[in-house]
Protein backbone atom coordinates (compact mmCIF):
# COMPACT_ATOMS: atom_id res chain seq x y z
CA MET A 1 -2.17 3.37 -2.03
CA ALA A 2 -3.96 4.00 -2.78
CA SER A 3 -2.95 1.98 -2.04
CA GLY A 4 -4.20 4.00 -0.69
CA SER A 5 -0.67 4.50 -1.42
CA ASP A 6 -3.56 4.58 -3.46
CA GLY A 7 -5.30 1.70 -1.79
CA GLY A 8 -2.57 0.43 0.25
CA GLU A 9 -1.31 -1.47 -2.67
CA GLU A 10 2.44 -2.13 -1.87
CA ALA A 11 4.10 -3.79 0.94
CA ALA A 12 7.40 -3.92 2.88
CA GLU A 13 7.78 -7.58 1.92
CA SER A 14 7.82 -9.01 -1.47
CA PRO A 15 7.39 -12.54 -2.74
CA ASP A 16 11.16 -12.92 -2.61
CA SER A 17 11.28 -11.71 1.11
CA PRO A 18 10.98 -13.96 4.02
CA ALA A 19 7.06 -14.09 5.03
CA GLY A 20 5.83 -13.28 8.45
CA LYS A 21 8.65 -11.14 9.84
CA ASP A 22 7.46 -9.51 12.95
CA SER A 23 10.32 -7.02 12.65
CA ALA A 24 8.65 -5.49 9.73
CA SER A 25 5.64 -4.54 11.65
CA GLY A 26 5.17 -0.81 11.87
CA SER A 27 7.54 0.02 8.92
CA ILE A 28 6.65 3.08 7.04
CA GLU A 29 6.44 3.10 3.21
CA VAL A 30 7.04 6.14 1.34
CA GLU A 31 6.17 5.61 -2.31
CA GLN A 32 5.46 7.56 -5.53
CA LYS A 33 3.85 6.02 -8.70
CA PHE A 34 4.79 7.03 -12.22
CA LEU A 35 3.91 5.62 -15.73
CA PHE A 36 7.08 4.04 -17.26
CA ARG A 37 8.12 4.16 -20.85
CA PRO A 38 10.08 1.66 -22.91
CA ASP A 39 13.38 3.59 -22.13
CA THR A 40 12.85 3.64 -18.40
CA VAL A 41 14.97 0.52 -17.90
CA GLN A 42 17.87 1.97 -19.96
CA LYS A 43 17.64 5.06 -17.91
CA LEU A 44 17.65 3.02 -14.67
CA GLU A 45 20.80 1.05 -15.78
CA ALA A 46 22.63 4.22 -16.71
CA LEU A 47 22.22 5.51 -13.23
CA GLY A 48 23.81 2.27 -11.95
CA VAL A 49 20.52 0.83 -10.68
CA ILE A 50 20.85 -2.92 -9.95
CA PRO A 51 18.13 -5.26 -11.24
CA GLU A 52 17.15 -7.54 -8.27
CA ALA A 53 14.47 -9.77 -9.53
CA SER A 54 11.70 -10.49 -11.81
CA VAL A 55 8.72 -12.16 -10.11
CA SER A 56 4.98 -12.80 -10.63
CA PHE A 57 2.60 -13.18 -7.76
CA ARG A 58 -1.12 -12.97 -6.69
CA ASP A 59 -2.57 -10.39 -4.28
CA GLN A 60 -5.97 -10.88 -2.66
CA TYR A 61 -7.59 -8.15 -0.76
CA TYR A 62 -10.22 -8.60 2.05
CA ASP A 63 -13.01 -6.27 3.61
CA VAL A 64 -16.35 -6.80 5.23
CA PRO A 65 -19.38 -6.40 2.90
CA ASP A 66 -19.91 -2.85 3.94
CA TRP A 67 -16.28 -1.84 3.26
CA CYS A 68 -15.71 -0.73 6.79
CA LEU A 69 -11.82 -1.47 6.60
CA THR A 70 -11.16 0.30 3.38
CA LEU A 71 -13.41 3.28 4.01
CA ALA A 72 -11.16 3.75 6.96
CA ASP A 73 -8.15 3.63 4.63
CA HIS A 74 -7.10 0.19 6.00
CA TRP A 75 -5.96 -2.42 3.51
CA LEU A 76 -5.72 -5.99 4.36
CA ARG A 77 -3.91 -8.25 1.78
CA GLN A 78 -2.75 -11.87 1.38
CA ARG A 79 0.24 -11.99 -0.99
CA GLU A 80 1.37 -15.24 -2.55
CA GLY A 81 4.74 -16.13 -1.23
CA ALA A 82 4.72 -13.36 1.48
CA GLY A 83 1.63 -13.86 3.62
CA TRP A 84 -0.65 -11.34 5.27
CA GLU A 85 -0.12 -7.65 5.60
CA LEU A 86 -2.32 -4.67 6.89
CA LYS A 87 -1.64 -1.29 5.59
CA LEU A 88 -2.88 1.76 7.38
CA PRO A 89 -2.54 5.57 7.25
CA LEU A 90 0.57 7.01 8.90
CA ARG A 91 -0.18 8.43 12.45
CA PRO A 92 1.95 9.81 15.18
CA LEU A 93 3.27 6.93 17.16
CA GLU A 94 3.19 8.65 20.55
CA GLY A 95 6.91 7.83 21.07
CA ALA A 96 6.42 3.99 20.57
CA THR A 97 9.28 2.15 18.74
CA ALA A 98 8.69 -0.39 15.92
CA SER A 99 9.89 -3.13 18.31
CA GLN A 100 7.17 -2.58 20.71
CA GLY A 101 4.71 -4.43 18.50
CA GLN A 102 1.08 -3.94 19.33
CA GLN A 103 1.93 -0.75 21.45
CA ASN A 104 3.09 0.70 18.09
CA LEU A 105 -0.46 0.76 16.86
CA PRO A 106 -2.88 3.42 18.12
CA ASP A 107 -6.30 2.34 19.06
CA PRO A 108 -8.68 3.03 16.28
CA PRO A 109 -11.12 5.84 16.93
CA ALA A 110 -14.70 5.25 17.74
CA GLU A 111 -15.51 7.12 14.57
CA ALA A 112 -13.62 4.48 12.58
CA ARG A 113 -16.14 2.00 13.68
CA SER A 114 -18.89 3.98 12.18
CA HIS A 115 -17.07 4.27 8.88
CA GLU A 116 -16.04 7.80 9.48
CA PRO A 117 -12.20 8.20 10.19
CA GLN A 118 -11.26 10.73 12.94
CA HIS A 119 -8.89 12.22 10.56
CA PRO A 120 -10.03 11.64 6.97
CA PRO A 121 -7.33 11.07 4.33
CA GLN A 122 -6.19 14.46 2.80
CA PRO A 123 -7.58 14.40 -0.74
CA LEU A 124 -4.92 12.88 -2.83
CA GLU A 125 -5.31 15.68 -5.65
CA GLY A 126 -4.66 18.41 -2.90
CA ARG A 127 -1.41 17.28 -1.45
CA THR A 128 1.77 19.43 -1.96
CA HIS A 129 3.59 16.19 -3.09
CA LEU A 130 2.14 13.00 -4.63
CA ALA A 131 4.09 10.44 -2.62
CA THR A 132 2.08 8.37 -0.13
CA GLN A 133 3.15 7.23 3.37
CA TYR A 134 1.60 4.35 4.98
CA GLN A 135 2.37 2.23 8.06
CA GLU A 136 2.79 -1.54 7.21
CA VAL A 137 1.87 -4.25 9.69
CA THR A 138 2.96 -7.83 9.14
CA CYS A 139 2.65 -9.30 12.76
CA PRO A 140 -0.31 -11.52 12.91
CA ARG A 141 -1.19 -10.50 16.39
CA ASP A 142 -1.11 -6.79 15.48
CA ILE A 143 -3.12 -7.40 12.22
CA VAL A 144 -5.95 -9.14 14.07
CA ALA A 145 -5.88 -6.54 16.76
CA ARG A 146 -6.39 -3.61 14.44
CA VAL A 147 -8.96 -5.22 12.31
CA CYS A 148 -11.01 -6.16 15.32
CA GLY A 149 -10.66 -2.71 16.78
CA LEU A 150 -12.07 -1.21 13.53
CA LEU A 151 -14.86 -3.62 13.61
CA GLY A 152 -15.68 -3.06 17.26
CA VAL A 153 -15.17 -6.82 18.28
CA ASP A 154 -12.86 -8.53 20.74
CA PRO A 155 -10.31 -10.96 19.14
CA ALA A 156 -11.00 -14.58 19.73
CA ALA A 157 -8.33 -16.55 21.48
CA GLY A 158 -7.53 -18.66 18.39
CA TRP A 159 -7.06 -15.58 15.94
CA GLN A 160 -3.78 -14.16 17.61
CA SER A 161 -1.43 -16.09 15.23
CA ASP A 162 -3.95 -17.09 12.62
CA VAL A 163 -5.00 -14.08 10.28
CA ALA A 164 -6.72 -16.56 7.88
CA ARG A 165 -9.15 -17.81 10.64
CA ALA A 166 -9.92 -14.36 11.89
CA VAL A 167 -10.71 -13.32 8.27
CA GLU A 168 -13.01 -16.30 7.85
CA GLU A 169 -14.86 -16.17 11.31
CA LEU A 170 -15.23 -12.14 11.02
CA GLY A 171 -16.86 -12.62 7.73
CA LEU A 172 -14.50 -10.62 5.58
CA GLN A 173 -14.72 -11.30 1.89
CA GLU A 174 -12.34 -11.04 -1.02
CA PHE A 175 -12.95 -7.96 -3.14
CA ALA A 176 -9.98 -8.01 -5.35
CA SER A 177 -7.54 -10.71 -6.72
CA PHE A 178 -4.93 -10.16 -9.48
CA ILE A 179 -1.52 -11.26 -10.62
CA THR A 180 1.28 -8.82 -10.92
CA ARG A 181 4.41 -9.24 -13.01
CA ARG A 182 7.13 -7.20 -11.22
CA ARG A 183 10.63 -6.13 -12.29
CA LYS A 184 12.44 -4.91 -9.29
CA TYR A 185 15.51 -2.58 -9.05
CA HIS A 186 17.57 -1.16 -6.36
CA LEU A 187 19.55 2.16 -6.30
CA ALA A 188 22.00 1.74 -3.52
CA SER A 189 23.13 5.44 -3.63
CA LEU A 190 19.79 6.80 -2.71
CA CYS A 191 18.52 3.64 -0.71
CA LEU A 192 15.61 3.38 -3.16
CA THR A 193 13.71 0.64 -4.65
CA VAL A 194 11.86 1.01 -8.17
CA ASP A 195 9.33 -1.54 -9.18
CA LEU A 196 7.86 -1.89 -12.75
CA ASP A 197 4.52 -3.63 -12.37
CA GLU A 198 2.27 -5.13 -15.08
CA MET A 199 -1.01 -6.50 -13.88
CA ASP A 200 -3.17 -9.26 -15.50
CA PHE A 201 -6.08 -6.89 -15.85
CA GLY A 202 -4.40 -4.62 -18.48
CA TYR A 203 -2.59 -2.03 -16.35
CA ALA A 204 1.05 -1.03 -15.93
CA VAL A 205 2.55 1.33 -13.27
CA GLY A 206 5.99 2.00 -11.84
CA GLU A 207 6.69 2.86 -8.12
CA VAL A 208 9.76 4.54 -6.39
CA GLU A 209 9.81 3.41 -2.74
CA ALA A 210 11.68 4.28 0.32
CA MET A 211 11.12 2.22 3.61
CA VAL A 212 11.80 4.09 6.75
CA SER A 213 11.43 3.10 10.52
CA ARG A 214 10.37 6.56 11.95
CA GLU A 215 7.99 9.38 10.90
CA GLN A 216 10.85 11.97 11.11
CA GLU A 217 12.64 10.20 8.32
CA VAL A 218 9.75 10.63 5.83
CA SER A 219 10.75 14.17 4.58
CA GLU A 220 14.17 13.13 3.69
CA ALA A 221 12.81 10.06 1.81
CA LEU A 222 10.54 12.41 -0.09
CA GLU A 223 13.77 14.27 -1.14
CA ARG A 224 15.38 11.06 -2.46
CA ILE A 225 12.44 10.01 -4.38
CA GLN A 226 12.19 13.47 -5.97
CA GLU A 227 15.82 13.42 -6.75
CA LEU A 228 15.53 10.02 -8.49
CA GLY A 229 12.45 11.20 -10.49
CA SER A 230 14.33 14.20 -11.76
CA GLN A 231 17.34 12.04 -12.80
CA LEU A 232 14.99 9.52 -14.75
CA GLY A 233 12.96 12.48 -16.37
CA LEU A 234 9.84 11.20 -14.80
CA ASP A 235 6.61 13.37 -14.57
CA MET A 236 6.42 13.52 -10.74
CA LYS A 237 3.80 16.27 -10.54
CA SER A 238 0.73 14.43 -12.43
CA PRO A 239 -1.27 12.22 -10.06
CA ILE A 240 -1.00 8.63 -11.28
CA PRO A 241 -3.65 6.03 -10.12
CA GLY A 242 -2.52 2.82 -8.65
CA LYS A 243 -3.38 -0.63 -9.51
CA MET A 244 -6.11 -0.65 -6.87
CA SER A 245 -7.79 2.38 -8.15
CA VAL A 246 -7.82 0.93 -11.78
CA TYR A 247 -9.00 -2.50 -10.70
CA LEU A 248 -11.86 -1.27 -8.63
CA HIS A 249 -12.95 1.28 -11.31
CA LYS A 250 -12.90 -1.57 -13.83
CA PHE A 251 -14.58 -4.32 -11.69
CA ARG A 252 -16.31 -2.92 -8.56
CA PRO A 253 -17.44 0.67 -9.54
CA ALA A 254 -19.64 1.04 -6.33
CA HIS A 255 -16.68 0.33 -4.20
CA TYR A 256 -14.58 2.54 -6.25
CA GLU A 257 -16.94 5.46 -5.93
CA ALA A 258 -17.40 5.14 -2.20
CA LEU A 259 -13.47 5.21 -1.70
CA MET A 260 -13.35 8.27 -4.01
CA ARG A 261 -15.85 10.02 -1.80
CA ALA A 262 -13.83 9.12 1.23
CA GLY A 263 -10.48 10.40 -0.45
CA SER A 264 -8.64 7.06 -0.27
CA LEU A 265 -8.16 6.49 -4.06
CA ARG A 266 -6.82 8.57 -7.04
CA LYS A 267 -9.33 9.20 -9.80
CA VAL A 268 -8.97 6.94 -12.83
CA ARG A 269 -9.24 9.15 -15.98
CA ALA A 270 -10.36 7.83 -19.33
CA ALA A 271 -6.88 8.48 -20.47
CA THR A 272 -5.36 6.06 -17.83
CA ASP A 273 -7.93 3.32 -19.14
CA GLU A 274 -6.71 3.62 -22.52
CA GLU A 275 -3.00 3.51 -21.69
CA GLY A 276 -3.71 0.38 -19.57
CA ASN A 277 -5.46 -1.53 -22.23
């Protein structure tokens, strides 16, 4: 979301960023969602937030037919203009640095291969804060290694730099595809990004995001997110479902229910459906 970030929905890279940057592998995204109003843009401008871009892009998400990856809270996405990314739950990195590539990724536990994560996600509704934290992997070698680890197979030689080939030969299938129209803003004083997203399936959601390189920086990022929410008068206490929750609820209810039981998605309320239509 989750994104998870409610389903691992967002990424370190955007369509207006260079694709396939290995240096982004292992970045940590700290993000909180909100429902924006007609006056949100005016409030952002009053705070000196700089509009960066207005873009549209298609996201496609992949999993095996029994949902092994998403049930383990791993979200594999191909974004138009940005390439492949795998988002996975934040774990202690055992002293590894972001530049260490594959060493930065812990081996998936044996339980993950049987669809039961060793440390199941804390239910989203029970957290003391509503922001999510995910590690984002963009290096093709690392993506393939992690996916193969979860599936319990050895990577083939030709997959190391070719995620698309690995996806095809491993039998992964697309389970979600949609277009997002995004208005992107940057607040330099708090080092935060604000995205206002409208999806082609009738849902709109805002996100406040901070990117950090170390787990020790997460708590400070949470404080900055809360500060901006207070300045904008946002409701930062009510759980807001992300785009993946709403998409799966509408179009793939069996997958949605399985992920709800696993604690990976926020519940979609009837009121949210009405707001998104």
